[in-house]
Structures are given as C-alpha cells and as structure tokens.
Amino acid sequence: MKFTVIAPKPRNPMVAAAHRRAAGAHRRSASGQRQRAALSLRRELQHERHPQT
C-alpha cells in the first residue's frame, strides 16, 4: 500500500503579519458614534438644567 503526501499550498506571509497588527478602519463604528452623540446630548441637557455661573 502506497501513501502519497500532498504538501499544502504555502501560506502567504503578508497575511500573518497583517493579522498580528491592529489593522482596521480608522474611525468609530456606527454604534460608537451613536453612543458618543447620546453622551454629548445628555451633557448638553445637563448643562442647560444646571448652568454654571
């Protein structure tokens, strides 16, 4: 009985390097933008209720 070993296709070394880095979009996600907007609105409303003298 003969066994033939087929070598897998070599992996791309550039992909492994990209996965190790924090690669991604350089902006906030949509949920992050919504949270930031809600927080700023809450702060504005709080400032209107209690204005600093």
PDB file of N, CA and C in Angstrom:
ATOM      1  N   MET A   1       0.839  -1.160   0.000  1.00  0.00           N
ATOM      2  CA  MET A   1       0.000   0.000   0.000  1.00  0.00           C
ATOM      3  C   MET A   1       0.897   1.239   0.000  1.00  0.00           C
ATOM      4  N   LYS A   2       0.584   2.157  -0.908  1.00  0.00           N
ATOM      5  CA  LYS A   2       1.368   3.378  -1.017  1.00  0.00           C
ATOM      6  C   LYS A   2       0.581   4.554  -0.457  1.00  0.00           C
ATOM      7  N   PHE A   3       1.285   5.418   0.265  1.00  0.00           N
ATOM      8  CA  PHE A   3       0.698   6.655   0.763  1.00  0.00           C
ATOM      9  C   PHE A   3       1.348   7.814   0.029  1.00  0.00           C
ATOM     10  N   THR A   4       0.550   8.667  -0.496  1.00  0.00           N
ATOM     11  CA  THR A   4       1.101   9.870  -1.116  1.00  0.00           C
ATOM     12  C   THR A   4       0.730  11.062  -0.233  1.00  0.00           C
ATOM     13  N   VAL A   5       1.744  11.832   0.107  1.00  0.00           N
ATOM     14  CA  VAL A   5       1.532  13.010   0.939  1.00  0.00           C
ATOM     15  C   VAL A   5       1.556  14.228   0.035  1.00  0.00           C
ATOM     16  N   ILE A   6       0.452  14.931   0.029  1.00  0.00           N
ATOM     17  CA  ILE A   6       0.357  16.134  -0.782  1.00  0.00           C
ATOM     18  C   ILE A   6       0.643  17.317   0.130  1.00  0.00           C
ATOM     19  N   ALA A   7       1.670  18.071  -0.217  1.00  0.00           N
ATOM     20  CA  ALA A   7       2.039  19.228   0.598  1.00  0.00           C
ATOM     21  C   ALA A   7       0.993  20.322   0.404  1.00  0.00           C
ATOM     22  N   PRO A   8       0.566  20.958   1.505  1.00  0.00           N
ATOM     23  CA  PRO A   8      -0.405  22.034   1.354  1.00  0.00           C
ATOM     24  C   PRO A   8       0.215  23.245   0.667  1.00  0.00           C
ATOM     25  N   LYS A   9      -0.642  24.060   0.117  1.00  0.00           N
ATOM     26  CA  LYS A   9      -0.201  25.270  -0.554  1.00  0.00           C
ATOM     27  C   LYS A   9       0.489  26.176   0.475  1.00  0.00           C
ATOM     28  N   PRO A  10       1.622  26.785   0.137  1.00  0.00           N
ATOM     29  CA  PRO A  10       2.308  27.638   1.115  1.00  0.00           C
ATOM     30  C   PRO A  10       1.447  28.834   1.500  1.00  0.00           C
ATOM     31  N   ARG A  11       1.540  29.229   2.762  1.00  0.00           N
ATOM     32  CA  ARG A  11       0.733  30.335   3.271  1.00  0.00           C
ATOM     33  C   ARG A  11       1.383  31.664   2.911  1.00  0.00           C
ATOM     34  N   ASN A  12       0.559  32.662   2.765  1.00  0.00           N
ATOM     35  CA  ASN A  12       1.016  33.996   2.429  1.00  0.00           C
ATOM     36  C   ASN A  12       1.585  34.648   3.694  1.00  0.00           C
ATOM     37  N   PRO A  13       2.872  34.970   3.749  1.00  0.00           N
ATOM     38  CA  PRO A  13       3.443  35.555   4.971  1.00  0.00           C
ATOM     39  C   PRO A  13       2.926  36.963   5.261  1.00  0.00           C
ATOM     40  N   MET A  14       2.447  37.677   4.258  1.00  0.00           N
ATOM     41  CA  MET A  14       1.929  39.022   4.477  1.00  0.00           C
ATOM     42  C   MET A  14       0.617  39.003   5.247  1.00  0.00           C
ATOM     43  N   VAL A  15      -0.183  37.970   5.059  1.00  0.00           N
ATOM     44  CA  VAL A  15      -1.463  37.876   5.756  1.00  0.00           C
ATOM     45  C   VAL A  15      -1.240  37.662   7.241  1.00  0.00           C
ATOM     46  N   ALA A  16      -0.282  36.813   7.596  1.00  0.00           N
ATOM     47  CA  ALA A  16       0.001  36.559   9.007  1.00  0.00           C
ATOM     48  C   ALA A  16       0.464  37.837   9.692  1.00  0.00           C
ATOM     49  N   ALA A  17       1.268  38.642   9.031  1.00  0.00           N
ATOM     50  CA  ALA A  17       1.739  39.903   9.609  1.00  0.00           C
ATOM     51  C   ALA A  17       0.576  40.873   9.792  1.00  0.00           C
ATOM     52  N   ALA A  18      -0.327  40.920   8.850  1.00  0.00           N
ATOM     53  CA  ALA A  18      -1.471  41.827   8.953  1.00  0.00           C
ATOM     54  C   ALA A  18      -2.401  41.417  10.081  1.00  0.00           C
ATOM     55  N   HIS A  19      -2.547  40.137  10.320  1.00  0.00           N
ATOM     56  CA  HIS A  19      -3.414  39.665  11.396  1.00  0.00           C
ATOM     57  C   HIS A  19      -2.826  39.992  12.762  1.00  0.00           C
ATOM     58  N   ARG A  20      -1.513  40.026  12.866  1.00  0.00           N
ATOM     59  CA  ARG A  20      -0.881  40.351  14.151  1.00  0.00           C
ATOM     60  C   ARG A  20      -1.011  41.825  14.496  1.00  0.00           C
ATOM     61  N   ARG A  21      -1.026  42.687  13.484  1.00  0.00           N
ATOM     62  CA  ARG A  21      -1.194  44.115  13.723  1.00  0.00           C
ATOM     63  C   ARG A  21      -2.662  44.417  13.989  1.00  0.00           C
ATOM     64  N   ALA A  22      -2.909  45.567  14.560  1.00  0.00           N
ATOM     65  CA  ALA A  22      -4.287  46.011  14.750  1.00  0.00           C
ATOM     66  C   ALA A  22      -4.734  46.732  13.484  1.00  0.00           C
ATOM     67  N   ALA A  23      -5.005  45.975  12.456  1.00  0.00           N
ATOM     68  CA  ALA A  23      -5.422  46.562  11.187  1.00  0.00           C
ATOM     69  C   ALA A  23      -6.929  46.745  11.211  1.00  0.00           C
ATOM     70  N   GLY A  24      -7.396  47.838  10.660  1.00  0.00           N
ATOM     71  CA  GLY A  24      -8.830  48.055  10.606  1.00  0.00           C
ATOM     72  C   GLY A  24      -9.159  49.487  10.237  1.00  0.00           C
ATOM     73  N   ALA A  25     -10.414  49.818  10.348  1.00  0.00           N
ATOM     74  CA  ALA A  25     -10.875  51.156   9.998  1.00  0.00           C
ATOM     75  C   ALA A  25     -10.353  52.164  11.009  1.00  0.00           C
ATOM     76  N   HIS A  26     -10.084  53.362  10.539  1.00  0.00           N
ATOM     77  CA  HIS A  26      -9.562  54.413  11.406  1.00  0.00           C
ATOM     78  C   HIS A  26     -10.665  55.396  11.768  1.00  0.00           C
ATOM     79  N   ARG A  27     -11.805  54.882  12.092  1.00  0.00           N
ATOM     80  CA  ARG A  27     -12.923  55.716  12.522  1.00  0.00           C
ATOM     81  C   ARG A  27     -13.787  54.909  13.467  1.00  0.00           C
ATOM     82  N   ARG A  28     -14.673  55.601  14.153  1.00  0.00           N
ATOM     83  CA  ARG A  28     -15.544  54.933  15.111  1.00  0.00           C
ATOM     84  C   ARG A  28     -16.609  54.134  14.364  1.00  0.00           C
ATOM     85  N   SER A  29     -17.067  53.085  15.012  1.00  0.00           N
ATOM     86  CA  SER A  29     -18.140  52.297  14.426  1.00  0.00           C
ATOM     87  C   SER A  29     -19.452  53.070  14.561  1.00  0.00           C
ATOM     88  N   ALA A  30     -20.484  52.598  13.907  1.00  0.00           N
ATOM     89  CA  ALA A  30     -21.777  53.286  13.963  1.00  0.00           C
ATOM     90  C   ALA A  30     -22.315  53.289  15.390  1.00  0.00           C
ATOM     91  N   SER A  31     -22.149  52.198  16.109  1.00  0.00           N
ATOM     92  CA  SER A  31     -22.642  52.157  17.487  1.00  0.00           C
ATOM     93  C   SER A  31     -21.839  53.110  18.366  1.00  0.00           C
ATOM     94  N   GLY A  32     -20.545  53.219  18.119  1.00  0.00           N
ATOM     95  CA  GLY A  32     -19.720  54.152  18.873  1.00  0.00           C
ATOM     96  C   GLY A  32     -20.116  55.591  18.614  1.00  0.00           C
ATOM     97  N   GLN A  33     -20.465  55.892  17.377  1.00  0.00           N
ATOM     98  CA  GLN A  33     -20.909  57.245  17.040  1.00  0.00           C
ATOM     99  C   GLN A  33     -22.235  57.560  17.716  1.00  0.00           C
ATOM    100  N   ARG A  34     -23.149  56.584  17.752  1.00  0.00           N
ATOM    101  CA  ARG A  34     -24.435  56.798  18.425  1.00  0.00           C
ATOM    102  C   ARG A  34     -24.234  57.033  19.911  1.00  0.00           C
ATOM    103  N   GLN A  35     -23.366  56.237  20.532  1.00  0.00           N
ATOM    104  CA  GLN A  35     -23.106  56.403  21.963  1.00  0.00           C
ATOM    105  C   GLN A  35     -22.488  57.765  22.243  1.00  0.00           C
ATOM    106  N   ARG A  36     -21.565  58.190  21.409  1.00  0.00           N
ATOM    107  CA  ARG A  36     -20.919  59.493  21.588  1.00  0.00           C
ATOM    108  C   ARG A  36     -21.945  60.615  21.445  1.00  0.00           C
ATOM    109  N   ALA A  37     -22.863  60.499  20.458  1.00  0.00           N
ATOM    110  CA  ALA A  37     -23.892  61.522  20.256  1.00  0.00           C
ATOM    111  C   ALA A  37     -24.852  61.572  21.447  1.00  0.00           C
ATOM    112  N   ALA A  38     -25.238  60.409  21.953  1.00  0.00           N
ATOM    113  CA  ALA A  38     -26.149  60.366  23.099  1.00  0.00           C
ATOM    114  C   ALA A  38     -25.488  60.973  24.329  1.00  0.00           C
ATOM    115  N   LEU A  39     -24.221  60.705  24.520  1.00  0.00           N
ATOM    116  CA  LEU A  39     -23.496  61.251  25.663  1.00  0.00           C
ATOM    117  C   LEU A  39     -23.387  62.771  25.558  1.00  0.00           C
ATOM    118  N   SER A  40     -23.080  63.286  24.380  1.00  0.00           N
ATOM    119  CA  SER A  40     -22.961  64.736  24.234  1.00  0.00           C
ATOM    120  C   SER A  40     -24.317  65.409  24.419  1.00  0.00           C
ATOM    121  N   LEU A  41     -25.396  64.788  23.942  1.00  0.00           N
ATOM    122  CA  LEU A  41     -26.731  65.339  24.149  1.00  0.00           C
ATOM    123  C   LEU A  41     -27.072  65.358  25.632  1.00  0.00           C
ATOM    124  N   ARG A  42     -26.779  64.284  26.328  1.00  0.00           N
ATOM    125  CA  ARG A  42     -27.036  64.210  27.760  1.00  0.00           C
ATOM    126  C   ARG A  42     -26.258  65.297  28.506  1.00  0.00           C
ATOM    127  N   ARG A  43     -25.026  65.535  28.107  1.00  0.00           N
ATOM    128  CA  ARG A  43     -24.213  66.571  28.742  1.00  0.00           C
ATOM    129  C   ARG A  43     -24.783  67.960  28.473  1.00  0.00           C
ATOM    130  N   GLU A  44     -25.243  68.197  27.236  1.00  0.00           N
ATOM    131  CA  GLU A  44     -25.837  69.498  26.911  1.00  0.00           C
ATOM    132  C   GLU A  44     -27.094  69.743  27.730  1.00  0.00           C
ATOM    133  N   LEU A  45     -27.940  68.729  27.834  1.00  0.00           N
ATOM    134  CA  LEU A  45     -29.171  68.880  28.610  1.00  0.00           C
ATOM    135  C   LEU A  45     -28.854  69.104  30.085  1.00  0.00           C
ATOM    136  N   GLN A  46     -27.880  68.428  30.601  1.00  0.00           N
ATOM    137  CA  GLN A  46     -27.468  68.596  31.993  1.00  0.00           C
ATOM    138  C   GLN A  46     -26.944  70.019  32.202  1.00  0.00           C
ATOM    139  N   HIS A  47     -26.219  70.535  31.243  1.00  0.00           N
ATOM    140  CA  HIS A  47     -25.665  71.882  31.354  1.00  0.00           C
ATOM    141  C   HIS A  47     -26.785  72.932  31.313  1.00  0.00           C
ATOM    142  N   GLU A  48     -27.840  72.693  30.519  1.00  0.00           N
ATOM    143  CA  GLU A  48     -28.965  73.620  30.460  1.00  0.00           C
ATOM    144  C   GLU A  48     -29.748  73.632  31.761  1.00  0.00           C
ATOM    145  N   ARG A  49     -29.874  72.471  32.395  1.00  0.00           N
ATOM    146  CA  ARG A  49     -30.596  72.404  33.658  1.00  0.00           C
ATOM    147  C   ARG A  49     -29.848  73.102  34.776  1.00  0.00           C
ATOM    148  N   HIS A  50     -28.543  72.915  34.799  1.00  0.00           N
ATOM    149  CA  HIS A  50     -27.700  73.468  35.859  1.00  0.00           C
ATOM    150  C   HIS A  50     -26.578  74.295  35.246  1.00  0.00           C
ATOM    151  N   PRO A  51     -26.883  75.490  34.776  1.00  0.00           N
ATOM    152  CA  PRO A  51     -25.805  76.292  34.170  1.00  0.00           C
ATOM    153  C   PRO A  51     -24.807  76.759  35.225  1.00  0.00           C
ATOM    154  N   GLN A  52     -23.572  76.776  34.843  1.00  0.00           N
ATOM    155  CA  GLN A  52     -22.534  77.239  35.761  1.00  0.00           C
ATOM    156  C   GLN A  52     -22.499  78.749  35.743  1.00  0.00           C
ATOM    157  N   THR A  53     -22.263  79.351  36.903  1.00  0.00           N
ATOM    158  CA  THR A  53     -22.228  80.819  36.971  1.00  0.00           C
ATOM    159  C   THR A  53     -20.830  81.336  36.898  1.00  0.00           C
TER     160      THR A  53
END
